[in-house]
Amino acid sequence: MKVFVTGATGFVGRALVEDLLSESYEVKALVRQSSDNLPLVVEQVVVGDLADFNLARREGLMRKALKDVDVIVHVAARVHIMKDDVFEPLVQFRKVNRDATLVLARLAADAGIKRFVFLSSIKVNGENTQPDKYFTPDDINIPDDPYGLSKYEAEQGLLALAKETELEVVIIRPPLVYGPGVKGNFNTMIKWMSMPLPLPFGAIHNRRSFVALDNLVNLVCLCVDREKSLKASNQVLLISDGKDISTTQLLEKVRQVLNCGPHSVTKAWLVPVPERILILFAKALGKADMSKRLFGSLQVDSSKTHELLGWKPVVNMDEQLAKMSKDF
């Protein structure tokens, strides 16, 4: 069975390619430029920047590349950026996350490919939940965040295409993903905890869902196997580790892993400053968006994924953090 993976050199894509190869799938990878980071057995299809990916320029190349492919897993995306200085960010997000996705899906349908697995984002549901309220796959929400909106529009286009063609679409919306090689906010948090500084995050009582890289890749691989995941066809699936924790608890877990690392380091300690003071301080500094991520709740209901597919997390947070410890 042959699987075509986009974003194969990225954080999630690399781990996915490794798992697919370990399960004896043939893998093709769509890449911006030829990469030495992929195994030699992976056939690379070089297409340049996805922002320039369109039917007229790529049709011939892609028709050849998609020949004999059974499933596409579309991981590549223009990711959310805290300080996005690009002119008209929504236009740029749409070019990559919506337009390129729908061009690729149309080519897949025309090529007779059976399934298109799309890695979306929980930002389609929104930025935060109320305490003990959970995002579900059936929530009706049109995001106002450019990244979330571009993913939402891609989802809507894919589901419409699935109704017109025989292409099966599977949409997966993960919350924040962490694991070996993680970048972004999670990596920043690890750096905070690695420094000998007091941090005012010792009394945060929010609840947040996360998903370990190993869990996300495991679900994607399950959806690649159509026989084992028939009920995933044309569904939106949410995923999490299944145990929500506070920002304070997460930082404490990272600190514990740092203690278990091979090198002796002096680590940050957490000071119990009241949340309301931290929120006011963040707003005064113009960091309201960051405060939502640090102090707000975001909980995901992944029961539909469990019920439809019988899927369960393969690792818990402590196990995934321990696997990451060599990166610390």
C-alpha atoms as a PDB file:
ATOM      1  CA  MET A   1       0.000   0.000   0.000  1.00  0.00           C
ATOM      2  CA  LYS A   2       1.338   3.422  -0.984  1.00  0.00           C
ATOM      3  CA  VAL A   3       0.859   6.556   1.142  1.00  0.00           C
ATOM      4  CA  PHE A   4       1.588  10.095  -0.039  1.00  0.00           C
ATOM      5  CA  VAL A   5       2.589  12.436   2.832  1.00  0.00           C
ATOM      6  CA  THR A   6       2.870  16.222   2.692  1.00  0.00           C
ATOM      7  CA  GLY A   7       4.841  18.076   5.337  1.00  0.00           C
ATOM      8  CA  ALA A   8       7.033  14.996   5.688  1.00  0.00           C
ATOM      9  CA  THR A   9      10.089  16.925   6.915  1.00  0.00           C
ATOM     10  CA  GLY A  10       8.187  18.711   9.696  1.00  0.00           C
ATOM     11  CA  PHE A  11       7.634  17.874  13.356  1.00  0.00           C
ATOM     12  CA  VAL A  12       4.595  15.635  12.828  1.00  0.00           C
ATOM     13  CA  GLY A  13       5.460  14.534   9.295  1.00  0.00           C
ATOM     14  CA  ARG A  14       8.831  13.017  10.176  1.00  0.00           C
ATOM     15  CA  ALA A  15       7.354  10.919  12.970  1.00  0.00           C
ATOM     16  CA  LEU A  16       4.486   9.843  10.720  1.00  0.00           C
ATOM     17  CA  VAL A  17       6.833   8.733   7.933  1.00  0.00           C
ATOM     18  CA  GLU A  18       8.844   6.655  10.412  1.00  0.00           C
ATOM     19  CA  ASP A  19       5.724   4.906  11.693  1.00  0.00           C
ATOM     20  CA  LEU A  20       4.362   4.249   8.198  1.00  0.00           C
ATOM     21  CA  LEU A  21       7.662   2.717   7.097  1.00  0.00           C
ATOM     22  CA  SER A  22       7.768   0.563  10.236  1.00  0.00           C
ATOM     23  CA  GLU A  23       4.347  -0.800   9.255  1.00  0.00           C
ATOM     24  CA  SER A  24       5.661  -1.678   5.762  1.00  0.00           C
ATOM     25  CA  TYR A  25       3.852   1.048   3.824  1.00  0.00           C
ATOM     26  CA  GLU A  26       5.482   2.538   0.747  1.00  0.00           C
ATOM     27  CA  VAL A  27       5.836   6.280   1.279  1.00  0.00           C
ATOM     28  CA  LYS A  28       6.040   9.196  -1.117  1.00  0.00           C
ATOM     29  CA  ALA A  29       6.692  12.684   0.255  1.00  0.00           C
ATOM     30  CA  LEU A  30       5.736  16.073  -1.130  1.00  0.00           C
ATOM     31  CA  VAL A  31       8.541  18.496  -0.231  1.00  0.00           C
ATOM     32  CA  ARG A  32       9.454  22.104  -0.926  1.00  0.00           C
ATOM     33  CA  GLN A  33      12.994  21.052  -1.833  1.00  0.00           C
ATOM     34  CA  SER A  34      14.931  17.814  -1.770  1.00  0.00           C
ATOM     35  CA  SER A  35      15.785  16.821   1.804  1.00  0.00           C
ATOM     36  CA  ASP A  36      18.503  14.617   3.318  1.00  0.00           C
ATOM     37  CA  ASN A  37      16.373  14.220   6.459  1.00  0.00           C
ATOM     38  CA  LEU A  38      14.071  11.640   4.900  1.00  0.00           C
ATOM     39  CA  PRO A  39      14.959   7.933   4.598  1.00  0.00           C
ATOM     40  CA  LEU A  40      16.328   6.929   1.207  1.00  0.00           C
ATOM     41  CA  VAL A  41      13.362   4.605   0.599  1.00  0.00           C
ATOM     42  CA  VAL A  42      11.017   7.611   0.577  1.00  0.00           C
ATOM     43  CA  GLU A  43      10.400   8.957  -2.913  1.00  0.00           C
ATOM     44  CA  GLN A  44      10.451  12.762  -2.804  1.00  0.00           C
ATOM     45  CA  VAL A  45       8.233  14.932  -5.006  1.00  0.00           C
ATOM     46  CA  VAL A  46       9.619  18.480  -5.130  1.00  0.00           C
ATOM     47  CA  VAL A  47       6.971  21.172  -5.717  1.00  0.00           C
ATOM     48  CA  GLY A  48       8.421  24.337  -4.182  1.00  0.00           C
ATOM     49  CA  ASP A  49       6.390  26.618  -1.932  1.00  0.00           C
ATOM     50  CA  LEU A  50       2.801  25.488  -1.304  1.00  0.00           C
ATOM     51  CA  ALA A  51       1.724  29.133  -1.506  1.00  0.00           C
ATOM     52  CA  ASP A  52       2.403  28.833  -5.257  1.00  0.00           C
ATOM     53  CA  PHE A  53       0.773  25.411  -5.571  1.00  0.00           C
ATOM     54  CA  ASN A  54      -1.991  25.544  -8.177  1.00  0.00           C
ATOM     55  CA  LEU A  55      -3.632  23.230 -10.647  1.00  0.00           C
ATOM     56  CA  ALA A  56      -2.323  24.887 -13.795  1.00  0.00           C
ATOM     57  CA  ARG A  57       1.339  24.754 -12.782  1.00  0.00           C
ATOM     58  CA  ARG A  58       1.405  21.401 -11.010  1.00  0.00           C
ATOM     59  CA  GLU A  59      -1.147  19.191 -12.728  1.00  0.00           C
ATOM     60  CA  GLY A  60       1.280  17.212 -14.909  1.00  0.00           C
ATOM     61  CA  LEU A  61       3.799  16.653 -12.142  1.00  0.00           C
ATOM     62  CA  MET A  62       1.187  15.680  -9.594  1.00  0.00           C
ATOM     63  CA  ARG A  63      -0.746  13.321 -11.849  1.00  0.00           C
ATOM     64  CA  LYS A  64       2.457  11.342 -12.286  1.00  0.00           C
ATOM     65  CA  ALA A  65       3.324  11.557  -8.580  1.00  0.00           C
ATOM     66  CA  LEU A  66      -0.111  10.348  -7.471  1.00  0.00           C
ATOM     67  CA  LYS A  67      -0.153   7.317  -9.728  1.00  0.00           C
ATOM     68  CA  ASP A  68      -0.751   4.130  -7.697  1.00  0.00           C
ATOM     69  CA  VAL A  69      -1.146   6.109  -4.439  1.00  0.00           C
ATOM     70  CA  ASP A  70      -3.831   4.709  -2.130  1.00  0.00           C
ATOM     71  CA  VAL A  71      -4.043   7.371   0.596  1.00  0.00           C
ATOM     72  CA  ILE A  72      -2.882  10.968   0.997  1.00  0.00           C
ATOM     73  CA  VAL A  73      -2.052  12.364   4.437  1.00  0.00           C
ATOM     74  CA  HIS A  74      -1.939  16.152   4.231  1.00  0.00           C
ATOM     75  CA  VAL A  75       0.135  17.514   7.115  1.00  0.00           C
ATOM     76  CA  ALA A  76       1.811  20.509   5.451  1.00  0.00           C
ATOM     77  CA  ALA A  77       0.450  23.881   6.512  1.00  0.00           C
ATOM     78  CA  ARG A  78       1.253  27.483   7.217  1.00  0.00           C
ATOM     79  CA  VAL A  79       1.199  27.296  10.988  1.00  0.00           C
ATOM     80  CA  HIS A  80      -0.143  29.750  13.543  1.00  0.00           C
ATOM     81  CA  ILE A  81       2.379  32.482  14.380  1.00  0.00           C
ATOM     82  CA  MET A  82       2.071  34.584  17.542  1.00  0.00           C
ATOM     83  CA  LYS A  83       3.537  37.723  15.928  1.00  0.00           C
ATOM     84  CA  ASP A  84       2.763  37.488  12.216  1.00  0.00           C
ATOM     85  CA  ASP A  85       4.318  40.434  10.395  1.00  0.00           C
ATOM     86  CA  VAL A  86       3.335  39.332   6.896  1.00  0.00           C
ATOM     87  CA  PHE A  87       1.107  41.657   4.869  1.00  0.00           C
ATOM     88  CA  GLU A  88      -2.498  40.377   4.821  1.00  0.00           C
ATOM     89  CA  PRO A  89      -1.892  37.185   6.863  1.00  0.00           C
ATOM     90  CA  LEU A  90      -5.336  35.745   6.030  1.00  0.00           C
ATOM     91  CA  VAL A  91      -4.469  35.813   2.317  1.00  0.00           C
ATOM     92  CA  GLN A  92      -1.239  33.927   3.001  1.00  0.00           C
ATOM     93  CA  PHE A  93      -2.921  31.383   5.277  1.00  0.00           C
ATOM     94  CA  ARG A  94      -5.603  30.741   2.665  1.00  0.00           C
ATOM     95  CA  LYS A  95      -3.074  30.182  -0.126  1.00  0.00           C
ATOM     96  CA  VAL A  96      -1.408  27.344   1.759  1.00  0.00           C
ATOM     97  CA  ASN A  97      -3.994  25.935   4.145  1.00  0.00           C
ATOM     98  CA  ARG A  98      -7.114  26.218   1.999  1.00  0.00           C
ATOM     99  CA  ASP A  99      -6.250  26.645  -1.674  1.00  0.00           C
ATOM    100  CA  ALA A 100      -3.317  24.217  -1.895  1.00  0.00           C
ATOM    101  CA  THR A 101      -5.258  21.661   0.160  1.00  0.00           C
ATOM    102  CA  LEU A 102      -8.250  21.759  -2.168  1.00  0.00           C
ATOM    103  CA  VAL A 103      -6.077  21.582  -5.300  1.00  0.00           C
ATOM    104  CA  LEU A 104      -4.353  18.499  -3.921  1.00  0.00           C
ATOM    105  CA  ALA A 105      -7.658  16.913  -2.910  1.00  0.00           C
ATOM    106  CA  ARG A 106      -9.164  17.526  -6.353  1.00  0.00           C
ATOM    107  CA  LEU A 107      -6.138  15.904  -7.982  1.00  0.00           C
ATOM    108  CA  ALA A 108      -6.512  12.988  -5.569  1.00  0.00           C
ATOM    109  CA  ALA A 109     -10.162  12.539  -6.514  1.00  0.00           C
ATOM    110  CA  ASP A 110      -9.326  12.700 -10.218  1.00  0.00           C
ATOM    111  CA  ALA A 111      -6.566  10.113  -9.708  1.00  0.00           C
ATOM    112  CA  GLY A 112      -8.973   7.686  -8.037  1.00  0.00           C
ATOM    113  CA  ILE A 113      -7.244   7.851  -4.650  1.00  0.00           C
ATOM    114  CA  LYS A 114      -9.422   6.302  -1.971  1.00  0.00           C
ATOM    115  CA  ARG A 115      -8.822   8.490   1.081  1.00  0.00           C
ATOM    116  CA  PHE A 116      -7.558  11.960   2.011  1.00  0.00           C
ATOM    117  CA  VAL A 117      -6.530  12.420   5.674  1.00  0.00           C
ATOM    118  CA  PHE A 118      -6.355  16.109   6.587  1.00  0.00           C
ATOM    119  CA  LEU A 119      -4.555  17.352   9.683  1.00  0.00           C
ATOM    120  CA  SER A 120      -6.590  20.374  10.744  1.00  0.00           C
ATOM    121  CA  SER A 121      -6.558  22.165  14.118  1.00  0.00           C
ATOM    122  CA  ILE A 122      -8.676  22.560  17.232  1.00  0.00           C
ATOM    123  CA  LYS A 123      -8.556  26.288  16.450  1.00  0.00           C
ATOM    124  CA  VAL A 124     -11.449  25.578  14.086  1.00  0.00           C
ATOM    125  CA  ASN A 125     -13.521  25.079  17.245  1.00  0.00           C
ATOM    126  CA  GLY A 126     -12.155  28.169  18.963  1.00  0.00           C
ATOM    127  CA  GLU A 127      -9.488  29.491  21.304  1.00  0.00           C
ATOM    128  CA  ASN A 128     -10.869  28.630  24.734  1.00  0.00           C
ATOM    129  CA  THR A 129     -13.569  26.686  26.552  1.00  0.00           C
ATOM    130  CA  GLN A 130     -15.438  27.478  29.735  1.00  0.00           C
ATOM    131  CA  PRO A 131     -14.471  25.347  32.762  1.00  0.00           C
ATOM    132  CA  ASP A 132     -15.630  21.740  32.301  1.00  0.00           C
ATOM    133  CA  LYS A 133     -17.071  22.557  28.858  1.00  0.00           C
ATOM    134  CA  TYR A 134     -15.562  20.621  25.980  1.00  0.00           C
ATOM    135  CA  PHE A 135     -15.088  21.221  22.283  1.00  0.00           C
ATOM    136  CA  THR A 136     -16.813  18.554  20.167  1.00  0.00           C
ATOM    137  CA  PRO A 137     -16.597  17.678  16.461  1.00  0.00           C
ATOM    138  CA  ASP A 138     -20.137  18.980  15.923  1.00  0.00           C
ATOM    139  CA  ASP A 139     -19.609  22.486  17.310  1.00  0.00           C
ATOM    140  CA  ILE A 140     -20.742  25.186  14.907  1.00  0.00           C
ATOM    141  CA  ASN A 141     -18.165  27.955  14.847  1.00  0.00           C
ATOM    142  CA  ILE A 142     -16.605  30.152  12.184  1.00  0.00           C
ATOM    143  CA  PRO A 143     -13.178  31.188  13.495  1.00  0.00           C
ATOM    144  CA  ASP A 144     -12.040  34.807  13.340  1.00  0.00           C
ATOM    145  CA  ASP A 145      -8.381  33.861  13.715  1.00  0.00           C
ATOM    146  CA  PRO A 146      -6.757  33.765  10.209  1.00  0.00           C
ATOM    147  CA  TYR A 147      -5.106  30.402  10.785  1.00  0.00           C
ATOM    148  CA  GLY A 148      -8.243  28.806  12.205  1.00  0.00           C
ATOM    149  CA  LEU A 149     -10.403  30.296   9.462  1.00  0.00           C
ATOM    150  CA  SER A 150      -8.134  28.959   6.704  1.00  0.00           C
ATOM    151  CA  LYS A 151      -8.336  25.473   8.227  1.00  0.00           C
ATOM    152  CA  TYR A 152     -12.121  25.733   8.599  1.00  0.00           C
ATOM    153  CA  GLU A 153     -12.513  26.745   4.953  1.00  0.00           C
ATOM    154  CA  ALA A 154     -10.290  23.857   3.869  1.00  0.00           C
ATOM    155  CA  GLU A 155     -12.447  21.445   5.882  1.00  0.00           C
ATOM    156  CA  GLN A 156     -15.640  22.762   4.310  1.00  0.00           C
ATOM    157  CA  GLY A 157     -14.160  22.433   0.826  1.00  0.00           C
ATOM    158  CA  LEU A 158     -12.988  18.878   1.496  1.00  0.00           C
ATOM    159  CA  LEU A 159     -16.374  17.748   2.817  1.00  0.00           C
ATOM    160  CA  ALA A 160     -18.085  19.291  -0.227  1.00  0.00           C
ATOM    161  CA  LEU A 161     -15.650  17.483  -2.530  1.00  0.00           C
ATOM    162  CA  ALA A 162     -16.339  14.198  -0.758  1.00  0.00           C
ATOM    163  CA  LYS A 163     -20.043  14.584  -1.586  1.00  0.00           C
ATOM    164  CA  GLU A 164     -19.249  15.154  -5.272  1.00  0.00           C
ATOM    165  CA  THR A 165     -16.688  12.383  -5.727  1.00  0.00           C
ATOM    166  CA  GLU A 166     -15.708   8.960  -4.394  1.00  0.00           C
ATOM    167  CA  LEU A 167     -12.848  10.425  -2.336  1.00  0.00           C
ATOM    168  CA  GLU A 168     -13.159   9.663   1.390  1.00  0.00           C
ATOM    169  CA  VAL A 169     -12.123  12.533   3.651  1.00  0.00           C
ATOM    170  CA  VAL A 170     -10.935  12.175   7.256  1.00  0.00           C
ATOM    171  CA  ILE A 171     -10.401  15.399   9.218  1.00  0.00           C
ATOM    172  CA  ILE A 172      -8.389  15.322  12.456  1.00  0.00           C
ATOM    173  CA  ARG A 173      -8.320  18.369  14.753  1.00  0.00           C
ATOM    174  CA  PRO A 174      -5.532  18.099  17.363  1.00  0.00           C
ATOM    175  CA  PRO A 175      -4.916  20.534  20.215  1.00  0.00           C
ATOM    176  CA  LEU A 176      -1.317  21.459  21.029  1.00  0.00           C
ATOM    177  CA  VAL A 177       0.988  18.589  20.000  1.00  0.00           C
ATOM    178  CA  TYR A 178       4.158  17.830  21.967  1.00  0.00           C
ATOM    179  CA  GLY A 179       6.903  15.279  21.529  1.00  0.00           C
ATOM    180  CA  PRO A 180      10.569  14.906  20.506  1.00  0.00           C
ATOM    181  CA  GLY A 181      11.586  17.836  18.313  1.00  0.00           C
ATOM    182  CA  VAL A 182       8.670  20.074  19.322  1.00  0.00           C
ATOM    183  CA  LYS A 183       9.005  23.771  18.518  1.00  0.00           C
ATOM    184  CA  GLY A 184       6.895  26.825  19.291  1.00  0.00           C
ATOM    185  CA  ASN A 185       5.203  27.536  22.621  1.00  0.00           C
ATOM    186  CA  PHE A 186       5.924  24.133  24.156  1.00  0.00           C
ATOM    187  CA  ASN A 187       9.629  24.439  23.429  1.00  0.00           C
ATOM    188  CA  THR A 188       9.616  27.964  24.879  1.00  0.00           C
ATOM    189  CA  MET A 189       8.062  26.622  28.076  1.00  0.00           C
ATOM    190  CA  ILE A 190      10.785  23.973  28.361  1.00  0.00           C
ATOM    191  CA  LYS A 191      13.436  26.690  28.041  1.00  0.00           C
ATOM    192  CA  TRP A 192      11.736  28.694  30.804  1.00  0.00           C
ATOM    193  CA  MET A 193      11.857  25.716  33.145  1.00  0.00           C
ATOM    194  CA  SER A 194      15.509  25.071  32.301  1.00  0.00           C
ATOM    195  CA  MET A 195      16.625  28.455  33.621  1.00  0.00           C
ATOM    196  CA  PRO A 196      17.286  29.276  37.302  1.00  0.00           C
ATOM    197  CA  LEU A 197      14.450  31.799  37.521  1.00  0.00           C
ATOM    198  CA  PRO A 198      11.295  32.212  39.580  1.00  0.00           C
ATOM    199  CA  LEU A 199       8.206  31.961  37.365  1.00  0.00           C
ATOM    200  CA  PRO A 200       4.837  33.371  38.538  1.00  0.00           C
ATOM    201  CA  PHE A 201       2.821  30.371  37.319  1.00  0.00           C
ATOM    202  CA  GLY A 202       2.385  28.355  40.503  1.00  0.00           C
ATOM    203  CA  ALA A 203      -1.354  28.938  40.991  1.00  0.00           C
ATOM    204  CA  ILE A 204      -3.031  28.510  37.609  1.00  0.00           C
ATOM    205  CA  HIS A 205      -6.178  26.385  37.787  1.00  0.00           C
ATOM    206  CA  ASN A 206      -7.222  26.120  34.129  1.00  0.00           C
ATOM    207  CA  ARG A 207      -7.802  22.825  32.305  1.00  0.00           C
ATOM    208  CA  ARG A 208      -6.175  22.124  28.947  1.00  0.00           C
ATOM    209  CA  SER A 209      -6.097  19.158  26.571  1.00  0.00           C
ATOM    210  CA  PHE A 210      -2.859  18.163  24.868  1.00  0.00           C
ATOM    211  CA  VAL A 211      -1.926  15.367  22.498  1.00  0.00           C
ATOM    212  CA  ALA A 212       1.349  13.474  22.482  1.00  0.00           C
ATOM    213  CA  LEU A 213       3.033  13.148  19.111  1.00  0.00           C
ATOM    214  CA  ASP A 214       2.977   9.352  19.455  1.00  0.00           C
ATOM    215  CA  ASN A 215      -0.796   9.416  20.019  1.00  0.00           C
ATOM    216  CA  LEU A 216      -1.481  11.680  17.044  1.00  0.00           C
ATOM    217  CA  VAL A 217       0.686   9.615  14.695  1.00  0.00           C
ATOM    218  CA  ASN A 218      -0.955   6.428  15.923  1.00  0.00           C
ATOM    219  CA  LEU A 219      -4.428   7.786  15.086  1.00  0.00           C
ATOM    220  CA  VAL A 220      -3.297   8.994  11.663  1.00  0.00           C
ATOM    221  CA  CYS A 221      -1.834   5.575  10.879  1.00  0.00           C
ATOM    222  CA  LEU A 222      -5.114   3.971  11.922  1.00  0.00           C
ATOM    223  CA  CYS A 223      -6.993   6.264   9.524  1.00  0.00           C
ATOM    224  CA  VAL A 224      -4.574   5.352   6.733  1.00  0.00           C
ATOM    225  CA  ASP A 225      -5.737   1.750   7.075  1.00  0.00           C
ATOM    226  CA  ARG A 226      -9.192   1.991   5.527  1.00  0.00           C
ATOM    227  CA  GLU A 227     -10.190  -1.543   6.519  1.00  0.00           C
ATOM    228  CA  LYS A 228      -9.548  -0.807  10.197  1.00  0.00           C
ATOM    229  CA  SER A 229     -11.134   2.655  10.081  1.00  0.00           C
ATOM    230  CA  LEU A 230     -14.140   2.373   7.764  1.00  0.00           C
ATOM    231  CA  LYS A 231     -16.243   4.550  10.060  1.00  0.00           C
ATOM    232  CA  ALA A 232     -13.753   7.418   9.797  1.00  0.00           C
ATOM    233  CA  SER A 233     -14.881   8.163   6.254  1.00  0.00           C
ATOM    234  CA  ASN A 234     -16.072  11.778   5.872  1.00  0.00           C
ATOM    235  CA  GLN A 235     -15.827  12.404   9.605  1.00  0.00           C
ATOM    236  CA  VAL A 236     -14.329  15.119  11.780  1.00  0.00           C
ATOM    237  CA  LEU A 237     -12.323  13.582  14.630  1.00  0.00           C
ATOM    238  CA  LEU A 238     -10.961  15.242  17.763  1.00  0.00           C
ATOM    239  CA  ILE A 239      -8.029  13.790  19.675  1.00  0.00           C
ATOM    240  CA  SER A 240      -6.304  14.320  23.015  1.00  0.00           C
ATOM    241  CA  ASP A 241      -4.301  12.355  25.566  1.00  0.00           C
ATOM    242  CA  GLY A 242      -7.508  11.941  27.555  1.00  0.00           C
ATOM    243  CA  LYS A 243      -6.292  13.641  30.733  1.00  0.00           C
ATOM    244  CA  ASP A 244      -6.558  17.431  30.963  1.00  0.00           C
ATOM    245  CA  ILE A 245      -4.182  19.363  33.212  1.00  0.00           C
ATOM    246  CA  SER A 246      -3.504  22.931  34.293  1.00  0.00           C
ATOM    247  CA  THR A 247      -0.613  25.064  33.097  1.00  0.00           C
ATOM    248  CA  THR A 248       0.879  24.775  36.590  1.00  0.00           C
ATOM    249  CA  GLN A 249       0.658  20.974  36.508  1.00  0.00           C
ATOM    250  CA  LEU A 250       2.241  20.894  33.060  1.00  0.00           C
ATOM    251  CA  LEU A 251       5.170  23.055  34.161  1.00  0.00           C
ATOM    252  CA  GLU A 252       5.634  20.852  37.212  1.00  0.00           C
ATOM    253  CA  LYS A 253       5.734  17.753  34.992  1.00  0.00           C
ATOM    254  CA  VAL A 254       8.370  19.367  32.777  1.00  0.00           C
ATOM    255  CA  ARG A 255      10.402  20.278  35.859  1.00  0.00           C
ATOM    256  CA  GLN A 256      10.266  16.665  37.056  1.00  0.00           C
ATOM    257  CA  VAL A 257      11.547  15.447  33.688  1.00  0.00           C
ATOM    258  CA  LEU A 258      14.352  17.997  33.813  1.00  0.00           C
ATOM    259  CA  ASN A 259      15.341  16.544  37.176  1.00  0.00           C
ATOM    260  CA  CYS A 260      15.544  13.105  35.533  1.00  0.00           C
ATOM    261  CA  GLY A 261      17.773  14.340  32.710  1.00  0.00           C
ATOM    262  CA  PRO A 262      21.377  13.205  32.256  1.00  0.00           C
ATOM    263  CA  HIS A 263      22.824  16.608  33.238  1.00  0.00           C
ATOM    264  CA  SER A 264      22.521  18.403  36.537  1.00  0.00           C
ATOM    265  CA  VAL A 265      20.865  21.798  36.024  1.00  0.00           C
ATOM    266  CA  THR A 266      19.341  24.441  38.239  1.00  0.00           C
ATOM    267  CA  LYS A 267      15.727  24.781  37.266  1.00  0.00           C
ATOM    268  CA  ALA A 268      13.031  27.402  37.522  1.00  0.00           C
ATOM    269  CA  TRP A 269      10.667  27.328  40.471  1.00  0.00           C
ATOM    270  CA  LEU A 270       6.992  28.278  40.437  1.00  0.00           C
ATOM    271  CA  VAL A 271       5.672  31.153  42.532  1.00  0.00           C
ATOM    272  CA  PRO A 272       1.896  31.091  43.307  1.00  0.00           C
ATOM    273  CA  VAL A 273       0.859  34.512  41.961  1.00  0.00           C
ATOM    274  CA  PRO A 274      -2.976  34.857  41.613  1.00  0.00           C
ATOM    275  CA  GLU A 275      -4.244  34.395  38.053  1.00  0.00           C
ATOM    276  CA  ARG A 276      -6.209  37.656  38.003  1.00  0.00           C
ATOM    277  CA  ILE A 277      -3.028  39.648  38.640  1.00  0.00           C
ATOM    278  CA  LEU A 278      -1.167  37.811  35.885  1.00  0.00           C
ATOM    279  CA  ILE A 279      -4.022  38.390  33.419  1.00  0.00           C
ATOM    280  CA  LEU A 280      -4.136  42.122  34.187  1.00  0.00           C
ATOM    281  CA  PHE A 281      -0.362  42.350  33.851  1.00  0.00           C
ATOM    282  CA  ALA A 282      -0.398  40.495  30.509  1.00  0.00           C
ATOM    283  CA  LYS A 283      -3.107  42.799  29.140  1.00  0.00           C
ATOM    284  CA  ALA A 284      -1.135  45.864  30.223  1.00  0.00           C
ATOM    285  CA  LEU A 285       1.849  44.534  28.251  1.00  0.00           C
ATOM    286  CA  GLY A 286      -0.293  43.854  25.183  1.00  0.00           C
ATOM    287  CA  LYS A 287       0.009  40.071  25.665  1.00  0.00           C
ATOM    288  CA  ALA A 288      -3.697  39.229  25.888  1.00  0.00           C
ATOM    289  CA  ASP A 289      -3.420  36.440  23.306  1.00  0.00           C
ATOM    290  CA  MET A 290      -0.584  34.798  25.182  1.00  0.00           C
ATOM    291  CA  SER A 291      -2.512  35.052  28.446  1.00  0.00           C
ATOM    292  CA  LYS A 292      -5.385  33.083  26.906  1.00  0.00           C
ATOM    293  CA  ARG A 293      -3.010  30.211  26.188  1.00  0.00           C
ATOM    294  CA  LEU A 294      -1.364  30.315  29.598  1.00  0.00           C
ATOM    295  CA  PHE A 295      -4.385  30.934  31.798  1.00  0.00           C
ATOM    296  CA  GLY A 296      -7.432  29.944  29.731  1.00  0.00           C
ATOM    297  CA  SER A 297      -8.972  26.489  29.440  1.00  0.00           C
ATOM    298  CA  LEU A 298      -9.221  24.452  26.256  1.00  0.00           C
ATOM    299  CA  GLN A 299     -10.741  21.004  26.665  1.00  0.00           C
ATOM    300  CA  VAL A 300     -11.423  18.503  23.907  1.00  0.00           C
ATOM    301  CA  ASP A 301     -14.025  15.738  23.839  1.00  0.00           C
ATOM    302  CA  SER A 302     -12.507  12.883  21.816  1.00  0.00           C
ATOM    303  CA  SER A 303     -15.200  10.322  22.702  1.00  0.00           C
ATOM    304  CA  LYS A 304     -16.421  10.189  19.071  1.00  0.00           C
ATOM    305  CA  THR A 305     -12.962   9.046  17.974  1.00  0.00           C
ATOM    306  CA  HIS A 306     -12.948   6.319  20.626  1.00  0.00           C
ATOM    307  CA  GLU A 307     -16.477   5.154  19.815  1.00  0.00           C
ATOM    308  CA  LEU A 308     -16.148   5.118  16.007  1.00  0.00           C
ATOM    309  CA  LEU A 309     -12.678   3.611  15.764  1.00  0.00           C
ATOM    310  CA  GLY A 310     -12.008   1.977  19.120  1.00  0.00           C
ATOM    311  CA  TRP A 311      -8.902   4.163  19.338  1.00  0.00           C
ATOM    312  CA  LYS A 312      -7.161   4.784  22.649  1.00  0.00           C
ATOM    313  CA  PRO A 313      -4.004   6.761  23.488  1.00  0.00           C
ATOM    314  CA  VAL A 314      -0.867   4.637  23.249  1.00  0.00           C
ATOM    315  CA  VAL A 315       1.184   6.821  25.644  1.00  0.00           C
ATOM    316  CA  ASN A 316       0.407   9.175  28.512  1.00  0.00           C
ATOM    317  CA  MET A 317       1.976  12.583  29.087  1.00  0.00           C
ATOM    318  CA  ASP A 318       4.611  11.332  31.536  1.00  0.00           C
ATOM    319  CA  GLU A 319       5.772   8.704  29.038  1.00  0.00           C
ATOM    320  CA  GLN A 320       5.968  11.190  26.160  1.00  0.00           C
ATOM    321  CA  LEU A 321       7.813  13.766  28.266  1.00  0.00           C
ATOM    322  CA  ALA A 322      10.293  11.094  29.333  1.00  0.00           C
ATOM    323  CA  LYS A 323      10.861  10.280  25.665  1.00  0.00           C
ATOM    324  CA  MET A 324      11.535  13.987  25.089  1.00  0.00           C
ATOM    325  CA  SER A 325      14.019  14.263  27.965  1.00  0.00           C
ATOM    326  CA  LYS A 326      17.059  13.851  25.723  1.00  0.00           C
ATOM    327  CA  ASP A 327      15.981  17.046  23.910  1.00  0.00           C
ATOM    328  CA  PHE A 328      16.041  18.988  27.181  1.00  0.00           C
END
